[in-house]
Amino acid sequence: MDRSAPQWGVHVDVRTDRVNYETLTDEALLALITVSDRHALAALYDRYGRRVFALAARMLGDPQSSEEVTQDVFLSVWRRVSSYKAGKGRFTTWLFSIAHNRTIDELRRRRRERYRENPTLEDHVDLPSDTPPPPEEVVARSEGAMVREVLGTLPLEQRAVIEMSYFGGLTQVEIAERTGQPLGTVKTRMRLALKKLRIALTERIEERSA
């Protein structure tokens, strides 16, 4: 039985005994998901599940919750596959956007619980005072508009590494490969950018609370 997914221009044979899922493109796997092929979803999970888990774990610091978030993300892919438009961006961008939003939801749920127990500004915002947090956590724990404003004040090269890490879900090694910059340079830019973000966000929060 052959079926096609014309919205992506992909034609595949959905008989599992004739499909090598590991060699299929992301778009081909998504085409199979549209016809309820669970093997295709499993292949995407094998391909990206570890990276989605790593993103959630950096933000949540909790393996069990991160695993639950990861499962929810791929369940969303299964349910919302028709909302992905290939012409508007890469699948990974769409996937990590779902992962980021789902993890933010979990962070907000945790903050609400903590805030009910200890309603202080420091606990509500949860910005550490010493070690800069990873970029996903900085953004997730602050007002979106405020973060965009602060990002705009960073030097271009520092803003770029933050955006690639946060919006693109890339590791520092992947950023170095994509930009052609030494890994040490990427790490330095990330560290400086996070420090500036933490200081600037803290100042703006204090101004708003004054």
C-alpha atoms as a PDB file:
ATOM      1  CA  MET A   1       0.000   0.000   0.000  1.00  0.00           C
ATOM      2  CA  ASP A   2       1.563   3.263  -1.150  1.00  0.00           C
ATOM      3  CA  ARG A   3       0.501   6.623   0.202  1.00  0.00           C
ATOM      4  CA  SER A   4       1.918  10.061  -0.365  1.00  0.00           C
ATOM      5  CA  ALA A   5       2.012  13.357   1.502  1.00  0.00           C
ATOM      6  CA  PRO A   6       1.685  15.985  -1.233  1.00  0.00           C
ATOM      7  CA  GLN A   7       2.027  18.891   1.180  1.00  0.00           C
ATOM      8  CA  TRP A   8       5.751  18.025   1.434  1.00  0.00           C
ATOM      9  CA  GLY A   9       6.159  16.521  -2.006  1.00  0.00           C
ATOM     10  CA  VAL A  10       7.201  13.225  -0.394  1.00  0.00           C
ATOM     11  CA  HIS A  11       6.175   9.791  -1.669  1.00  0.00           C
ATOM     12  CA  VAL A  12       6.903   6.756   0.467  1.00  0.00           C
ATOM     13  CA  ASP A  13       5.938   3.109   0.745  1.00  0.00           C
ATOM     14  CA  VAL A  14       4.381   2.679   4.175  1.00  0.00           C
ATOM     15  CA  ARG A  15       4.819  -1.079   4.442  1.00  0.00           C
ATOM     16  CA  THR A  16       7.186  -1.392   7.374  1.00  0.00           C
ATOM     17  CA  ASP A  17       8.987  -4.394   5.876  1.00  0.00           C
ATOM     18  CA  ARG A  18      10.122  -2.209   2.966  1.00  0.00           C
ATOM     19  CA  VAL A  19      11.039   0.988   4.836  1.00  0.00           C
ATOM     20  CA  ASN A  20      14.483   1.728   6.237  1.00  0.00           C
ATOM     21  CA  TYR A  21      13.431   4.437   8.658  1.00  0.00           C
ATOM     22  CA  GLU A  22      16.969   5.356   9.649  1.00  0.00           C
ATOM     23  CA  THR A  23      17.779   6.565   6.144  1.00  0.00           C
ATOM     24  CA  LEU A  24      14.619   8.635   5.625  1.00  0.00           C
ATOM     25  CA  THR A  25      14.706  12.428   5.837  1.00  0.00           C
ATOM     26  CA  ASP A  26      12.808  14.239   8.560  1.00  0.00           C
ATOM     27  CA  GLU A  27      10.192  15.280   6.006  1.00  0.00           C
ATOM     28  CA  ALA A  28       9.710  11.683   4.837  1.00  0.00           C
ATOM     29  CA  LEU A  29       9.226  10.528   8.412  1.00  0.00           C
ATOM     30  CA  LEU A  30       6.692  13.289   8.986  1.00  0.00           C
ATOM     31  CA  ALA A  31       4.866  12.202   5.850  1.00  0.00           C
ATOM     32  CA  LEU A  32       4.608   8.716   7.313  1.00  0.00           C
ATOM     33  CA  ILE A  33       3.349  10.118  10.611  1.00  0.00           C
ATOM     34  CA  THR A  34       0.475  11.761   8.740  1.00  0.00           C
ATOM     35  CA  VAL A  35      -0.706   8.253   7.856  1.00  0.00           C
ATOM     36  CA  SER A  36      -0.296   7.139  11.504  1.00  0.00           C
ATOM     37  CA  ASP A  37       2.976   5.259  11.132  1.00  0.00           C
ATOM     38  CA  ARG A  38       4.260   4.886  14.697  1.00  0.00           C
ATOM     39  CA  HIS A  39       7.566   3.482  13.460  1.00  0.00           C
ATOM     40  CA  ALA A  40       8.253   6.856  11.854  1.00  0.00           C
ATOM     41  CA  LEU A  41       7.634   8.618  15.158  1.00  0.00           C
ATOM     42  CA  ALA A  42       9.966   6.179  16.891  1.00  0.00           C
ATOM     43  CA  ALA A  43      12.621   6.950  14.282  1.00  0.00           C
ATOM     44  CA  LEU A  44      12.313  10.680  14.951  1.00  0.00           C
ATOM     45  CA  TYR A  45      12.517   9.991  18.686  1.00  0.00           C
ATOM     46  CA  ASP A  46      15.703   7.979  18.163  1.00  0.00           C
ATOM     47  CA  ARG A  47      17.104  10.796  16.025  1.00  0.00           C
ATOM     48  CA  TYR A  48      16.276  13.776  18.239  1.00  0.00           C
ATOM     49  CA  GLY A  49      15.038  12.482  21.579  1.00  0.00           C
ATOM     50  CA  ARG A  50      18.400  12.816  23.274  1.00  0.00           C
ATOM     51  CA  ARG A  51      18.753  16.459  22.211  1.00  0.00           C
ATOM     52  CA  VAL A  52      15.227  17.319  23.330  1.00  0.00           C
ATOM     53  CA  PHE A  53      15.924  15.632  26.667  1.00  0.00           C
ATOM     54  CA  ALA A  54      19.190  17.576  27.015  1.00  0.00           C
ATOM     55  CA  LEU A  55      17.384  20.863  26.374  1.00  0.00           C
ATOM     56  CA  ALA A  56      14.750  20.075  28.991  1.00  0.00           C
ATOM     57  CA  ALA A  57      17.342  18.823  31.469  1.00  0.00           C
ATOM     58  CA  ARG A  58      19.396  22.035  31.207  1.00  0.00           C
ATOM     59  CA  MET A  59      16.303  24.051  32.020  1.00  0.00           C
ATOM     60  CA  LEU A  60      14.704  21.777  34.616  1.00  0.00           C
ATOM     61  CA  GLY A  61      17.645  20.026  36.232  1.00  0.00           C
ATOM     62  CA  ASP A  62      15.429  17.011  36.840  1.00  0.00           C
ATOM     63  CA  PRO A  63      15.878  13.817  34.757  1.00  0.00           C
ATOM     64  CA  GLN A  64      12.424  12.440  35.504  1.00  0.00           C
ATOM     65  CA  SER A  65      10.601  15.645  34.565  1.00  0.00           C
ATOM     66  CA  SER A  66      12.846  16.044  31.521  1.00  0.00           C
ATOM     67  CA  GLU A  67      11.909  12.568  30.321  1.00  0.00           C
ATOM     68  CA  GLU A  68       8.221  13.370  30.775  1.00  0.00           C
ATOM     69  CA  VAL A  69       8.646  16.611  28.826  1.00  0.00           C
ATOM     70  CA  THR A  70      10.470  14.744  26.057  1.00  0.00           C
ATOM     71  CA  GLN A  71       7.636  12.249  25.745  1.00  0.00           C
ATOM     72  CA  ASP A  72       5.106  15.080  25.661  1.00  0.00           C
ATOM     73  CA  VAL A  73       7.069  16.824  22.908  1.00  0.00           C
ATOM     74  CA  PHE A  74       6.986  13.811  20.600  1.00  0.00           C
ATOM     75  CA  LEU A  75       3.349  13.196  21.418  1.00  0.00           C
ATOM     76  CA  SER A  76       2.760  16.772  20.245  1.00  0.00           C
ATOM     77  CA  VAL A  77       4.634  15.992  17.022  1.00  0.00           C
ATOM     78  CA  TRP A  78       2.302  13.027  16.501  1.00  0.00           C
ATOM     79  CA  ARG A  79      -0.815  15.084  17.166  1.00  0.00           C
ATOM     80  CA  ARG A  80       0.246  18.328  15.478  1.00  0.00           C
ATOM     81  CA  VAL A  81       2.158  17.018  12.476  1.00  0.00           C
ATOM     82  CA  SER A  82      -0.235  18.714  10.075  1.00  0.00           C
ATOM     83  CA  SER A  83       0.720  22.128  11.496  1.00  0.00           C
ATOM     84  CA  TYR A  84       4.323  21.793  10.320  1.00  0.00           C
ATOM     85  CA  LYS A  85       4.943  23.710   7.097  1.00  0.00           C
ATOM     86  CA  ALA A  86       8.150  22.633   5.398  1.00  0.00           C
ATOM     87  CA  GLY A  87       8.475  25.853   3.437  1.00  0.00           C
ATOM     88  CA  LYS A  88       8.526  28.001   6.560  1.00  0.00           C
ATOM     89  CA  GLY A  89      11.516  26.470   8.326  1.00  0.00           C
ATOM     90  CA  ARG A  90      13.433  23.350   9.226  1.00  0.00           C
ATOM     91  CA  PHE A  91      11.780  20.550  11.145  1.00  0.00           C
ATOM     92  CA  THR A  92      14.339  20.877  13.944  1.00  0.00           C
ATOM     93  CA  THR A  93      13.375  24.519  14.459  1.00  0.00           C
ATOM     94  CA  TRP A  94       9.734  23.488  14.797  1.00  0.00           C
ATOM     95  CA  LEU A  95      10.595  20.576  17.070  1.00  0.00           C
ATOM     96  CA  PHE A  96      12.763  22.587  19.455  1.00  0.00           C
ATOM     97  CA  SER A  97      10.161  25.337  19.551  1.00  0.00           C
ATOM     98  CA  ILE A  98       7.667  22.759  20.825  1.00  0.00           C
ATOM     99  CA  ALA A  99      10.261  21.475  23.298  1.00  0.00           C
ATOM    100  CA  HIS A 100      11.080  24.959  24.536  1.00  0.00           C
ATOM    101  CA  ASN A 101       7.436  25.917  25.015  1.00  0.00           C
ATOM    102  CA  ARG A 102       6.615  22.663  26.795  1.00  0.00           C
ATOM    103  CA  THR A 103       9.592  23.085  29.138  1.00  0.00           C
ATOM    104  CA  ILE A 104       8.626  26.693  29.861  1.00  0.00           C
ATOM    105  CA  ASP A 105       5.167  25.448  30.824  1.00  0.00           C
ATOM    106  CA  GLU A 106       6.785  23.083  33.312  1.00  0.00           C
ATOM    107  CA  LEU A 107       9.000  25.862  34.708  1.00  0.00           C
ATOM    108  CA  ARG A 108       5.999  28.147  35.113  1.00  0.00           C
ATOM    109  CA  ARG A 109       4.087  25.403  36.919  1.00  0.00           C
ATOM    110  CA  ARG A 110       7.010  24.960  39.304  1.00  0.00           C
ATOM    111  CA  ARG A 111       7.332  28.709  39.862  1.00  0.00           C
ATOM    112  CA  ARG A 112       3.654  29.006  40.681  1.00  0.00           C
ATOM    113  CA  GLU A 113       4.020  26.283  43.282  1.00  0.00           C
ATOM    114  CA  ARG A 114       7.154  27.879  44.783  1.00  0.00           C
ATOM    115  CA  TYR A 115       5.599  31.321  44.715  1.00  0.00           C
ATOM    116  CA  ARG A 116       2.568  30.113  46.663  1.00  0.00           C
ATOM    117  CA  GLU A 117       4.926  28.763  49.317  1.00  0.00           C
ATOM    118  CA  ASN A 118       7.347  31.713  49.343  1.00  0.00           C
ATOM    119  CA  PRO A 119       6.002  34.762  47.475  1.00  0.00           C
ATOM    120  CA  THR A 120       9.194  36.788  47.153  1.00  0.00           C
ATOM    121  CA  LEU A 121      10.537  38.473  44.039  1.00  0.00           C
ATOM    122  CA  GLU A 122      13.783  36.516  44.149  1.00  0.00           C
ATOM    123  CA  ASP A 123      11.986  33.189  44.312  1.00  0.00           C
ATOM    124  CA  HIS A 124       9.425  34.183  41.709  1.00  0.00           C
ATOM    125  CA  VAL A 125      12.022  35.247  39.136  1.00  0.00           C
ATOM    126  CA  ASP A 126      14.657  32.766  40.312  1.00  0.00           C
ATOM    127  CA  LEU A 127      17.690  34.511  38.869  1.00  0.00           C
ATOM    128  CA  PRO A 128      20.866  33.164  40.484  1.00  0.00           C
ATOM    129  CA  SER A 129      23.284  35.690  41.886  1.00  0.00           C
ATOM    130  CA  ASP A 130      26.561  33.957  41.015  1.00  0.00           C
ATOM    131  CA  THR A 131      26.815  31.400  38.202  1.00  0.00           C
ATOM    132  CA  PRO A 132      25.069  32.504  34.994  1.00  0.00           C
ATOM    133  CA  PRO A 133      22.347  30.011  34.007  1.00  0.00           C
ATOM    134  CA  PRO A 134      22.118  28.442  30.541  1.00  0.00           C
ATOM    135  CA  PRO A 135      20.441  30.640  27.909  1.00  0.00           C
ATOM    136  CA  GLU A 136      17.224  28.610  27.792  1.00  0.00           C
ATOM    137  CA  GLU A 137      16.751  29.083  31.521  1.00  0.00           C
ATOM    138  CA  VAL A 138      17.500  32.808  31.361  1.00  0.00           C
ATOM    139  CA  VAL A 139      14.789  33.285  28.780  1.00  0.00           C
ATOM    140  CA  ALA A 140      12.332  30.890  30.350  1.00  0.00           C
ATOM    141  CA  ARG A 141      12.559  32.589  33.728  1.00  0.00           C
ATOM    142  CA  SER A 142      12.140  36.156  32.558  1.00  0.00           C
ATOM    143  CA  GLU A 143       9.648  38.313  30.743  1.00  0.00           C
ATOM    144  CA  GLY A 144       9.872  37.735  26.982  1.00  0.00           C
ATOM    145  CA  ALA A 145       9.802  41.391  26.003  1.00  0.00           C
ATOM    146  CA  MET A 146      12.428  42.242  28.589  1.00  0.00           C
ATOM    147  CA  VAL A 147      14.729  39.521  27.328  1.00  0.00           C
ATOM    148  CA  ARG A 148      14.376  40.631  23.715  1.00  0.00           C
ATOM    149  CA  GLU A 149      15.235  44.168  24.774  1.00  0.00           C
ATOM    150  CA  VAL A 150      18.337  43.006  26.611  1.00  0.00           C
ATOM    151  CA  LEU A 151      19.422  40.726  23.764  1.00  0.00           C
ATOM    152  CA  GLY A 152      19.337  43.718  21.465  1.00  0.00           C
ATOM    153  CA  THR A 153      21.981  45.441  23.576  1.00  0.00           C
ATOM    154  CA  LEU A 154      24.523  42.637  23.212  1.00  0.00           C
ATOM    155  CA  PRO A 155      27.326  42.749  20.651  1.00  0.00           C
ATOM    156  CA  LEU A 156      26.263  40.956  17.471  1.00  0.00           C
ATOM    157  CA  GLU A 157      28.618  37.993  17.880  1.00  0.00           C
ATOM    158  CA  GLN A 158      27.473  37.397  21.489  1.00  0.00           C
ATOM    159  CA  ARG A 159      23.808  37.724  20.601  1.00  0.00           C
ATOM    160  CA  ALA A 160      24.274  35.246  17.748  1.00  0.00           C
ATOM    161  CA  VAL A 161      25.563  32.434  19.967  1.00  0.00           C
ATOM    162  CA  ILE A 162      22.728  32.960  22.461  1.00  0.00           C
ATOM    163  CA  GLU A 163      20.112  32.883  19.701  1.00  0.00           C
ATOM    164  CA  MET A 164      21.600  29.771  18.079  1.00  0.00           C
ATOM    165  CA  SER A 165      21.675  28.007  21.434  1.00  0.00           C
ATOM    166  CA  TYR A 166      18.237  29.168  22.599  1.00  0.00           C
ATOM    167  CA  PHE A 167      16.210  29.397  19.396  1.00  0.00           C
ATOM    168  CA  GLY A 168      18.078  26.761  17.435  1.00  0.00           C
ATOM    169  CA  GLY A 169      18.738  24.271  20.227  1.00  0.00           C
ATOM    170  CA  LEU A 170      22.377  23.939  19.147  1.00  0.00           C
ATOM    171  CA  THR A 171      25.207  22.833  21.397  1.00  0.00           C
ATOM    172  CA  GLN A 172      28.373  24.903  21.658  1.00  0.00           C
ATOM    173  CA  VAL A 173      30.186  22.386  19.446  1.00  0.00           C
ATOM    174  CA  GLU A 174      27.460  22.674  16.808  1.00  0.00           C
ATOM    175  CA  ILE A 175      27.597  26.479  16.984  1.00  0.00           C
ATOM    176  CA  ALA A 176      31.357  26.359  16.439  1.00  0.00           C
ATOM    177  CA  GLU A 177      30.894  24.080  13.431  1.00  0.00           C
ATOM    178  CA  ARG A 178      28.172  26.251  11.942  1.00  0.00           C
ATOM    179  CA  THR A 179      29.990  29.564  12.403  1.00  0.00           C
ATOM    180  CA  GLY A 180      33.491  28.311  11.695  1.00  0.00           C
ATOM    181  CA  GLN A 181      34.696  29.790  14.982  1.00  0.00           C
ATOM    182  CA  PRO A 182      36.963  27.942  17.440  1.00  0.00           C
ATOM    183  CA  LEU A 183      35.065  26.220  20.227  1.00  0.00           C
ATOM    184  CA  GLY A 184      36.968  28.282  22.799  1.00  0.00           C
ATOM    185  CA  THR A 185      35.762  31.481  21.115  1.00  0.00           C
ATOM    186  CA  VAL A 186      32.161  30.272  21.191  1.00  0.00           C
ATOM    187  CA  LYS A 187      32.437  29.387  24.889  1.00  0.00           C
ATOM    188  CA  THR A 188      33.934  32.792  25.703  1.00  0.00           C
ATOM    189  CA  ARG A 189      31.193  34.632  23.818  1.00  0.00           C
ATOM    190  CA  MET A 190      28.534  32.535  25.514  1.00  0.00           C
ATOM    191  CA  ARG A 191      29.982  33.173  28.958  1.00  0.00           C
ATOM    192  CA  LEU A 192      30.262  36.945  28.402  1.00  0.00           C
ATOM    193  CA  ALA A 193      26.778  37.143  26.910  1.00  0.00           C
ATOM    194  CA  LEU A 194      25.201  35.223  29.796  1.00  0.00           C
ATOM    195  CA  LYS A 195      26.944  37.405  32.341  1.00  0.00           C
ATOM    196  CA  LYS A 196      25.682  40.575  30.637  1.00  0.00           C
ATOM    197  CA  LEU A 197      22.190  39.103  30.348  1.00  0.00           C
ATOM    198  CA  ARG A 198      22.065  38.214  34.026  1.00  0.00           C
ATOM    199  CA  ILE A 199      23.245  41.661  35.128  1.00  0.00           C
ATOM    200  CA  ALA A 200      20.943  43.542  32.757  1.00  0.00           C
ATOM    201  CA  LEU A 201      17.902  41.435  33.593  1.00  0.00           C
ATOM    202  CA  THR A 202      18.511  41.789  37.308  1.00  0.00           C
ATOM    203  CA  GLU A 203      18.753  45.582  36.951  1.00  0.00           C
ATOM    204  CA  ARG A 204      15.504  45.751  34.985  1.00  0.00           C
ATOM    205  CA  ILE A 205      13.675  43.550  37.449  1.00  0.00           C
ATOM    206  CA  GLU A 206      14.848  45.719  40.331  1.00  0.00           C
ATOM    207  CA  GLU A 207      13.740  48.848  38.436  1.00  0.00           C
ATOM    208  CA  ARG A 208      10.273  47.398  37.914  1.00  0.00           C
ATOM    209  CA  SER A 209       9.949  46.417  41.555  1.00  0.00           C
ATOM    210  CA  ALA A 210      11.121  49.800  42.870  1.00  0.00           C
END
